Amino acid sequence: MRDAENSQVLADSPFERVGGHPTLQAICERFYDLMDQDPAYADLRAMHAPDLSMMRALLPQFLAGWAGGPRDWFEANPGKCMMSMHAPFPIGRQTADQWADAMTRAIAETDLADREIANAMADVLGRMARGMARE
């Protein structure tokens, strides 16, 4: 949530409550480490490029705007959302579940300022991921 007058991030936004950019970066680093290293996420990993550095940079930006922080990702991608960005990919239930599980683990394993909002974030992101499954 932003104040339209001065584009300041509101202090009670989920973005601020979880700890801002450093926390979202830590969550995403852990998420991509899990995806890259844990065989439980092999199908999910296979859907991604060999080099995850771009994804590691973009997902925290998306999450920041989505959680009420700076909207840099949305401003750089007008009219786009995660659903439209992933439409070309053959996402099945298994890979959607793997994404949701890896993100839930990453959030659980990261030190967050507000565990309640983090758990809610994990729940919503998991439902979003499973909503992308097309089988």
N, C-alpha and C. Protein backbone atom coordinates (compact mmCIF):
# COMPACT_ATOMS: atom_id res chain seq x y z
N MET A 1 0.85 -1.17 0.00
CA MET A 1 0.00 0.00 0.00
C MET A 1 0.89 1.22 0.00
N ARG A 2 0.60 2.14 -0.87
CA ARG A 2 1.42 3.35 -0.97
C ARG A 2 0.56 4.57 -0.80
N ASP A 3 1.14 5.60 -0.28
CA ASP A 3 0.49 6.89 -0.18
C ASP A 3 0.67 7.57 -1.54
N ALA A 4 -0.43 7.83 -2.25
CA ALA A 4 -0.36 8.37 -3.61
C ALA A 4 0.32 9.73 -3.66
N GLU A 5 0.19 10.51 -2.59
CA GLU A 5 0.78 11.85 -2.58
C GLU A 5 2.30 11.82 -2.68
N ASN A 6 2.94 10.96 -1.90
CA ASN A 6 4.39 11.01 -1.86
C ASN A 6 5.06 9.67 -2.16
N SER A 7 4.29 8.69 -2.58
CA SER A 7 4.81 7.37 -2.96
C SER A 7 5.63 6.72 -1.85
N GLN A 8 5.33 7.02 -0.63
CA GLN A 8 6.02 6.40 0.49
C GLN A 8 5.38 5.06 0.82
N VAL A 9 6.18 4.10 1.19
CA VAL A 9 5.68 2.82 1.63
C VAL A 9 5.08 3.03 3.01
N LEU A 10 3.85 2.55 3.20
CA LEU A 10 3.20 2.71 4.50
C LEU A 10 3.83 1.78 5.52
N ALA A 11 3.98 2.27 6.74
CA ALA A 11 4.67 1.53 7.79
C ALA A 11 3.98 0.24 8.17
N ASP A 12 2.69 0.12 7.96
CA ASP A 12 1.99 -1.09 8.36
C ASP A 12 1.75 -2.05 7.19
N SER A 13 2.40 -1.82 6.07
CA SER A 13 2.23 -2.70 4.91
C SER A 13 2.88 -4.06 5.21
N PRO A 14 2.41 -5.12 4.57
CA PRO A 14 3.08 -6.42 4.72
C PRO A 14 4.57 -6.34 4.39
N PHE A 15 4.91 -5.53 3.39
CA PHE A 15 6.32 -5.33 3.02
C PHE A 15 7.14 -4.90 4.24
N GLU A 16 6.66 -3.88 4.94
CA GLU A 16 7.38 -3.40 6.13
C GLU A 16 7.30 -4.40 7.27
N ARG A 17 6.15 -5.04 7.43
CA ARG A 17 5.96 -5.97 8.55
C ARG A 17 6.87 -7.19 8.47
N VAL A 18 7.21 -7.65 7.25
CA VAL A 18 8.12 -8.80 7.17
C VAL A 18 9.58 -8.41 7.26
N GLY A 19 9.88 -7.12 7.03
CA GLY A 19 11.26 -6.68 7.14
C GLY A 19 11.81 -6.03 5.89
N GLY A 20 10.96 -5.75 4.91
CA GLY A 20 11.39 -5.01 3.73
C GLY A 20 12.27 -5.79 2.77
N HIS A 21 13.02 -5.05 1.96
CA HIS A 21 13.85 -5.66 0.91
C HIS A 21 14.82 -6.72 1.42
N PRO A 22 15.55 -6.48 2.51
CA PRO A 22 16.52 -7.50 2.93
C PRO A 22 15.85 -8.85 3.23
N THR A 23 14.68 -8.81 3.84
CA THR A 23 13.99 -10.05 4.16
C THR A 23 13.46 -10.73 2.91
N LEU A 24 12.86 -9.96 2.01
CA LEU A 24 12.36 -10.56 0.78
C LEU A 24 13.50 -11.13 -0.05
N GLN A 25 14.64 -10.46 -0.07
CA GLN A 25 15.81 -10.99 -0.76
C GLN A 25 16.26 -12.30 -0.13
N ALA A 26 16.27 -12.36 1.19
CA ALA A 26 16.68 -13.59 1.89
C ALA A 26 15.70 -14.73 1.59
N ILE A 27 14.42 -14.44 1.58
CA ILE A 27 13.42 -15.47 1.25
C ILE A 27 13.68 -16.01 -0.15
N CYS A 28 13.88 -15.12 -1.10
CA CYS A 28 14.06 -15.54 -2.49
C CYS A 28 15.37 -16.28 -2.69
N GLU A 29 16.42 -15.86 -2.02
CA GLU A 29 17.68 -16.60 -2.10
C GLU A 29 17.50 -18.02 -1.58
N ARG A 30 16.82 -18.14 -0.44
CA ARG A 30 16.58 -19.48 0.11
C ARG A 30 15.69 -20.30 -0.82
N PHE A 31 14.66 -19.69 -1.38
CA PHE A 31 13.76 -20.36 -2.31
C PHE A 31 14.53 -20.93 -3.50
N TYR A 32 15.36 -20.09 -4.13
CA TYR A 32 16.10 -20.56 -5.31
C TYR A 32 17.21 -21.54 -4.93
N ASP A 33 17.78 -21.41 -3.73
CA ASP A 33 18.73 -22.42 -3.28
C ASP A 33 18.05 -23.77 -3.12
N LEU A 34 16.87 -23.77 -2.50
CA LEU A 34 16.11 -25.02 -2.37
C LEU A 34 15.80 -25.62 -3.73
N MET A 35 15.30 -24.79 -4.63
CA MET A 35 14.93 -25.26 -5.96
C MET A 35 16.14 -25.82 -6.69
N ASP A 36 17.28 -25.21 -6.51
CA ASP A 36 18.50 -25.59 -7.22
C ASP A 36 19.18 -26.82 -6.61
N GLN A 37 19.00 -27.04 -5.31
CA GLN A 37 19.78 -28.07 -4.62
C GLN A 37 18.99 -29.26 -4.12
N ASP A 38 17.70 -29.10 -3.85
CA ASP A 38 16.92 -30.18 -3.25
C ASP A 38 16.24 -30.99 -4.36
N PRO A 39 16.52 -32.29 -4.44
CA PRO A 39 15.90 -33.12 -5.47
C PRO A 39 14.37 -33.14 -5.43
N ALA A 40 13.79 -32.76 -4.31
CA ALA A 40 12.33 -32.71 -4.20
C ALA A 40 11.73 -31.70 -5.17
N TYR A 41 12.56 -30.77 -5.66
CA TYR A 41 12.09 -29.72 -6.56
C TYR A 41 12.66 -29.87 -7.98
N ALA A 42 13.05 -31.07 -8.34
CA ALA A 42 13.71 -31.31 -9.63
C ALA A 42 12.84 -30.91 -10.81
N ASP A 43 11.56 -31.25 -10.79
CA ASP A 43 10.69 -30.89 -11.91
C ASP A 43 10.55 -29.38 -12.03
N LEU A 44 10.42 -28.70 -10.92
CA LEU A 44 10.34 -27.25 -10.92
C LEU A 44 11.63 -26.65 -11.45
N ARG A 45 12.75 -27.16 -10.99
CA ARG A 45 14.06 -26.65 -11.43
C ARG A 45 14.24 -26.82 -12.93
N ALA A 46 13.77 -27.94 -13.46
CA ALA A 46 13.92 -28.24 -14.89
C ALA A 46 13.17 -27.24 -15.77
N MET A 47 12.17 -26.56 -15.22
CA MET A 47 11.40 -25.59 -15.99
C MET A 47 12.12 -24.24 -16.12
N HIS A 48 13.18 -24.06 -15.38
CA HIS A 48 13.88 -22.77 -15.33
C HIS A 48 15.19 -22.81 -16.11
N ALA A 49 15.67 -21.65 -16.46
CA ALA A 49 16.95 -21.53 -17.15
C ALA A 49 18.09 -22.02 -16.25
N PRO A 50 19.19 -22.45 -16.86
CA PRO A 50 20.32 -22.91 -16.05
C PRO A 50 20.82 -21.84 -15.07
N ASP A 51 20.81 -20.58 -15.50
CA ASP A 51 21.27 -19.48 -14.65
C ASP A 51 20.04 -18.82 -14.00
N LEU A 52 19.96 -18.90 -12.69
CA LEU A 52 18.82 -18.35 -11.95
C LEU A 52 19.04 -16.91 -11.50
N SER A 53 20.13 -16.29 -11.90
CA SER A 53 20.44 -14.96 -11.35
C SER A 53 19.37 -13.92 -11.69
N MET A 54 18.79 -13.96 -12.88
CA MET A 54 17.75 -12.99 -13.21
C MET A 54 16.53 -13.21 -12.33
N MET A 55 16.16 -14.46 -12.14
CA MET A 55 15.00 -14.76 -11.30
C MET A 55 15.26 -14.35 -9.85
N ARG A 56 16.48 -14.57 -9.38
CA ARG A 56 16.83 -14.19 -8.02
C ARG A 56 16.70 -12.67 -7.84
N ALA A 57 16.93 -11.91 -8.90
CA ALA A 57 16.82 -10.45 -8.82
C ALA A 57 15.38 -9.98 -8.97
N LEU A 58 14.59 -10.66 -9.81
CA LEU A 58 13.24 -10.18 -10.12
C LEU A 58 12.18 -10.58 -9.10
N LEU A 59 12.26 -11.78 -8.58
CA LEU A 59 11.21 -12.21 -7.65
C LEU A 59 11.12 -11.32 -6.41
N PRO A 60 12.23 -10.93 -5.79
CA PRO A 60 12.10 -10.01 -4.64
C PRO A 60 11.45 -8.68 -5.02
N GLN A 61 11.72 -8.19 -6.23
CA GLN A 61 11.09 -6.94 -6.67
C GLN A 61 9.58 -7.13 -6.82
N PHE A 62 9.18 -8.26 -7.42
CA PHE A 62 7.75 -8.54 -7.55
C PHE A 62 7.11 -8.61 -6.17
N LEU A 63 7.72 -9.39 -5.27
CA LEU A 63 7.15 -9.57 -3.93
C LEU A 63 7.07 -8.24 -3.18
N ALA A 64 8.04 -7.37 -3.38
CA ALA A 64 8.01 -6.07 -2.70
C ALA A 64 6.76 -5.29 -3.11
N GLY A 65 6.52 -5.16 -4.39
CA GLY A 65 5.34 -4.43 -4.86
C GLY A 65 4.05 -5.12 -4.47
N TRP A 66 4.04 -6.43 -4.57
CA TRP A 66 2.86 -7.23 -4.24
C TRP A 66 2.51 -7.06 -2.75
N ALA A 67 3.53 -6.91 -1.90
CA ALA A 67 3.32 -6.80 -0.46
C ALA A 67 3.17 -5.35 0.02
N GLY A 68 3.04 -4.41 -0.90
CA GLY A 68 2.80 -3.03 -0.51
C GLY A 68 4.03 -2.17 -0.43
N GLY A 69 5.14 -2.66 -0.92
CA GLY A 69 6.37 -1.89 -0.93
C GLY A 69 6.57 -1.20 -2.27
N PRO A 70 7.81 -0.85 -2.58
CA PRO A 70 8.09 -0.19 -3.86
C PRO A 70 7.61 -1.04 -5.04
N ARG A 71 7.02 -0.39 -6.01
CA ARG A 71 6.38 -1.09 -7.13
C ARG A 71 7.26 -1.12 -8.38
N ASP A 72 8.56 -1.19 -8.20
CA ASP A 72 9.50 -1.16 -9.32
C ASP A 72 9.19 -2.24 -10.35
N TRP A 73 8.93 -3.47 -9.91
CA TRP A 73 8.65 -4.56 -10.85
C TRP A 73 7.41 -4.24 -11.67
N PHE A 74 6.37 -3.76 -11.03
CA PHE A 74 5.12 -3.47 -11.72
C PHE A 74 5.28 -2.29 -12.69
N GLU A 75 6.08 -1.31 -12.31
CA GLU A 75 6.33 -0.18 -13.19
C GLU A 75 7.16 -0.60 -14.40
N ALA A 76 8.06 -1.56 -14.22
CA ALA A 76 8.89 -2.05 -15.32
C ALA A 76 8.12 -3.03 -16.21
N ASN A 77 7.00 -3.56 -15.72
CA ASN A 77 6.20 -4.55 -16.45
C ASN A 77 4.73 -4.14 -16.46
N PRO A 78 4.41 -3.00 -17.07
CA PRO A 78 3.02 -2.52 -17.02
C PRO A 78 2.05 -3.52 -17.63
N GLY A 79 0.95 -3.71 -16.92
CA GLY A 79 -0.09 -4.61 -17.40
C GLY A 79 0.21 -6.08 -17.19
N LYS A 80 1.34 -6.41 -16.58
CA LYS A 80 1.73 -7.81 -16.37
C LYS A 80 1.41 -8.22 -14.94
N CYS A 81 1.21 -9.51 -14.80
CA CYS A 81 1.05 -10.11 -13.47
C CYS A 81 1.72 -11.48 -13.53
N MET A 82 1.82 -12.13 -12.39
CA MET A 82 2.47 -13.44 -12.37
C MET A 82 1.73 -14.45 -13.23
N MET A 83 0.42 -14.38 -13.26
CA MET A 83 -0.35 -15.33 -14.06
C MET A 83 -0.02 -15.15 -15.54
N SER A 84 -0.03 -13.93 -16.03
CA SER A 84 0.25 -13.71 -17.45
C SER A 84 1.71 -14.01 -17.78
N MET A 85 2.62 -13.74 -16.86
CA MET A 85 4.04 -14.00 -17.11
C MET A 85 4.32 -15.51 -17.22
N HIS A 86 3.50 -16.32 -16.54
CA HIS A 86 3.73 -17.76 -16.53
C HIS A 86 2.82 -18.52 -17.50
N ALA A 87 1.94 -17.83 -18.19
CA ALA A 87 0.99 -18.49 -19.11
C ALA A 87 1.68 -19.37 -20.16
N PRO A 88 2.84 -18.99 -20.69
CA PRO A 88 3.46 -19.83 -21.73
C PRO A 88 4.06 -21.15 -21.21
N PHE A 89 4.18 -21.30 -19.91
CA PHE A 89 4.86 -22.47 -19.36
C PHE A 89 3.88 -23.59 -19.03
N PRO A 90 4.29 -24.83 -19.26
CA PRO A 90 3.42 -25.98 -18.97
C PRO A 90 3.44 -26.33 -17.48
N ILE A 91 2.73 -25.56 -16.70
CA ILE A 91 2.73 -25.75 -15.25
C ILE A 91 1.65 -26.77 -14.88
N GLY A 92 2.08 -27.85 -14.28
CA GLY A 92 1.16 -28.88 -13.82
C GLY A 92 1.02 -28.82 -12.31
N ARG A 93 0.17 -29.65 -11.77
CA ARG A 93 -0.05 -29.65 -10.31
C ARG A 93 1.22 -29.95 -9.54
N GLN A 94 2.02 -30.89 -10.06
CA GLN A 94 3.23 -31.27 -9.35
C GLN A 94 4.21 -30.11 -9.24
N THR A 95 4.44 -29.41 -10.35
CA THR A 95 5.38 -28.29 -10.29
C THR A 95 4.80 -27.12 -9.49
N ALA A 96 3.51 -26.91 -9.56
CA ALA A 96 2.88 -25.85 -8.75
C ALA A 96 3.03 -26.18 -7.27
N ASP A 97 2.82 -27.44 -6.92
CA ASP A 97 2.99 -27.87 -5.52
C ASP A 97 4.44 -27.72 -5.08
N GLN A 98 5.37 -28.05 -5.98
CA GLN A 98 6.79 -27.90 -5.64
C GLN A 98 7.13 -26.43 -5.38
N TRP A 99 6.62 -25.54 -6.22
CA TRP A 99 6.87 -24.11 -6.03
C TRP A 99 6.32 -23.66 -4.68
N ALA A 100 5.07 -24.03 -4.42
CA ALA A 100 4.42 -23.62 -3.17
C ALA A 100 5.17 -24.17 -1.97
N ASP A 101 5.61 -25.42 -2.04
CA ASP A 101 6.33 -26.02 -0.92
C ASP A 101 7.68 -25.35 -0.71
N ALA A 102 8.41 -25.10 -1.79
CA ALA A 102 9.72 -24.45 -1.66
C ALA A 102 9.58 -23.04 -1.09
N MET A 103 8.55 -22.30 -1.53
CA MET A 103 8.35 -20.95 -1.01
C MET A 103 7.95 -20.99 0.46
N THR A 104 7.07 -21.92 0.81
CA THR A 104 6.67 -22.05 2.21
C THR A 104 7.88 -22.36 3.09
N ARG A 105 8.72 -23.28 2.64
CA ARG A 105 9.95 -23.61 3.38
C ARG A 105 10.86 -22.39 3.48
N ALA A 106 11.04 -21.68 2.36
CA ALA A 106 11.93 -20.52 2.37
C ALA A 106 11.45 -19.47 3.36
N ILE A 107 10.16 -19.23 3.38
CA ILE A 107 9.61 -18.25 4.33
C ILE A 107 9.78 -18.75 5.77
N ALA A 108 9.51 -20.03 6.00
CA ALA A 108 9.63 -20.60 7.35
C ALA A 108 11.07 -20.57 7.85
N GLU A 109 12.04 -20.70 6.95
CA GLU A 109 13.44 -20.78 7.33
C GLU A 109 14.15 -19.42 7.36
N THR A 110 13.41 -18.37 7.08
CA THR A 110 13.98 -17.01 7.08
C THR A 110 13.54 -16.27 8.33
N ASP A 111 14.46 -15.53 8.91
CA ASP A 111 14.14 -14.73 10.09
C ASP A 111 13.33 -13.52 9.63
N LEU A 112 12.08 -13.46 10.09
CA LEU A 112 11.16 -12.40 9.67
C LEU A 112 10.72 -11.57 10.86
N ALA A 113 10.46 -10.31 10.61
CA ALA A 113 10.03 -9.41 11.67
C ALA A 113 8.64 -9.75 12.20
N ASP A 114 7.76 -10.27 11.34
CA ASP A 114 6.38 -10.55 11.71
C ASP A 114 5.97 -11.91 11.15
N ARG A 115 6.00 -12.92 11.99
CA ARG A 115 5.72 -14.29 11.55
C ARG A 115 4.27 -14.45 11.09
N GLU A 116 3.34 -13.74 11.68
CA GLU A 116 1.93 -13.86 11.30
C GLU A 116 1.73 -13.44 9.84
N ILE A 117 2.28 -12.31 9.46
CA ILE A 117 2.11 -11.86 8.08
C ILE A 117 2.91 -12.75 7.14
N ALA A 118 4.04 -13.27 7.59
CA ALA A 118 4.84 -14.18 6.76
C ALA A 118 4.06 -15.46 6.46
N ASN A 119 3.40 -16.01 7.47
CA ASN A 119 2.60 -17.22 7.26
C ASN A 119 1.44 -16.95 6.30
N ALA A 120 0.82 -15.78 6.43
CA ALA A 120 -0.26 -15.41 5.52
C ALA A 120 0.29 -15.26 4.10
N MET A 121 1.46 -14.68 3.98
CA MET A 121 2.09 -14.52 2.68
C MET A 121 2.38 -15.88 2.05
N ALA A 122 2.88 -16.82 2.82
CA ALA A 122 3.15 -18.17 2.32
C ALA A 122 1.86 -18.84 1.83
N ASP A 123 0.80 -18.66 2.58
CA ASP A 123 -0.48 -19.24 2.20
C ASP A 123 -0.98 -18.67 0.87
N VAL A 124 -0.98 -17.36 0.74
CA VAL A 124 -1.48 -16.72 -0.47
C VAL A 124 -0.59 -17.05 -1.67
N LEU A 125 0.72 -17.03 -1.50
CA LEU A 125 1.62 -17.36 -2.60
C LEU A 125 1.44 -18.82 -3.02
N GLY A 126 1.23 -19.70 -2.06
CA GLY A 126 0.98 -21.10 -2.39
C GLY A 126 -0.30 -21.28 -3.19
N ARG A 127 -1.34 -20.57 -2.80
CA ARG A 127 -2.59 -20.64 -3.56
C ARG A 127 -2.42 -20.05 -4.96
N MET A 128 -1.64 -18.98 -5.07
CA MET A 128 -1.38 -18.38 -6.38
C MET A 128 -0.64 -19.39 -7.27
N ALA A 129 0.38 -20.03 -6.72
CA ALA A 129 1.14 -21.01 -7.50
C ALA A 129 0.26 -22.16 -7.96
N ARG A 130 -0.55 -22.68 -7.05
CA ARG A 130 -1.42 -23.80 -7.41
C ARG A 130 -2.50 -23.37 -8.41
N GLY A 131 -2.86 -22.11 -8.40
CA GLY A 131 -3.83 -21.59 -9.36
C GLY A 131 -3.27 -21.52 -10.78
N MET A 132 -1.96 -21.63 -10.92
CA MET A 132 -1.35 -21.61 -12.25
C MET A 132 -1.33 -22.99 -12.90
N ALA A 133 -1.62 -24.04 -12.14
CA ALA A 133 -1.60 -25.40 -12.69
C ALA A 133 -2.69 -25.55 -13.73
N ARG A 134 -2.31 -26.18 -14.83
CA ARG A 134 -3.25 -26.33 -15.93
C ARG A 134 -3.53 -27.80 -16.24
N GLU A 135 -3.52 -28.66 -15.28
CA GLU A 135 -3.85 -30.06 -15.51
C GLU A 135 -4.74 -30.55 -14.40
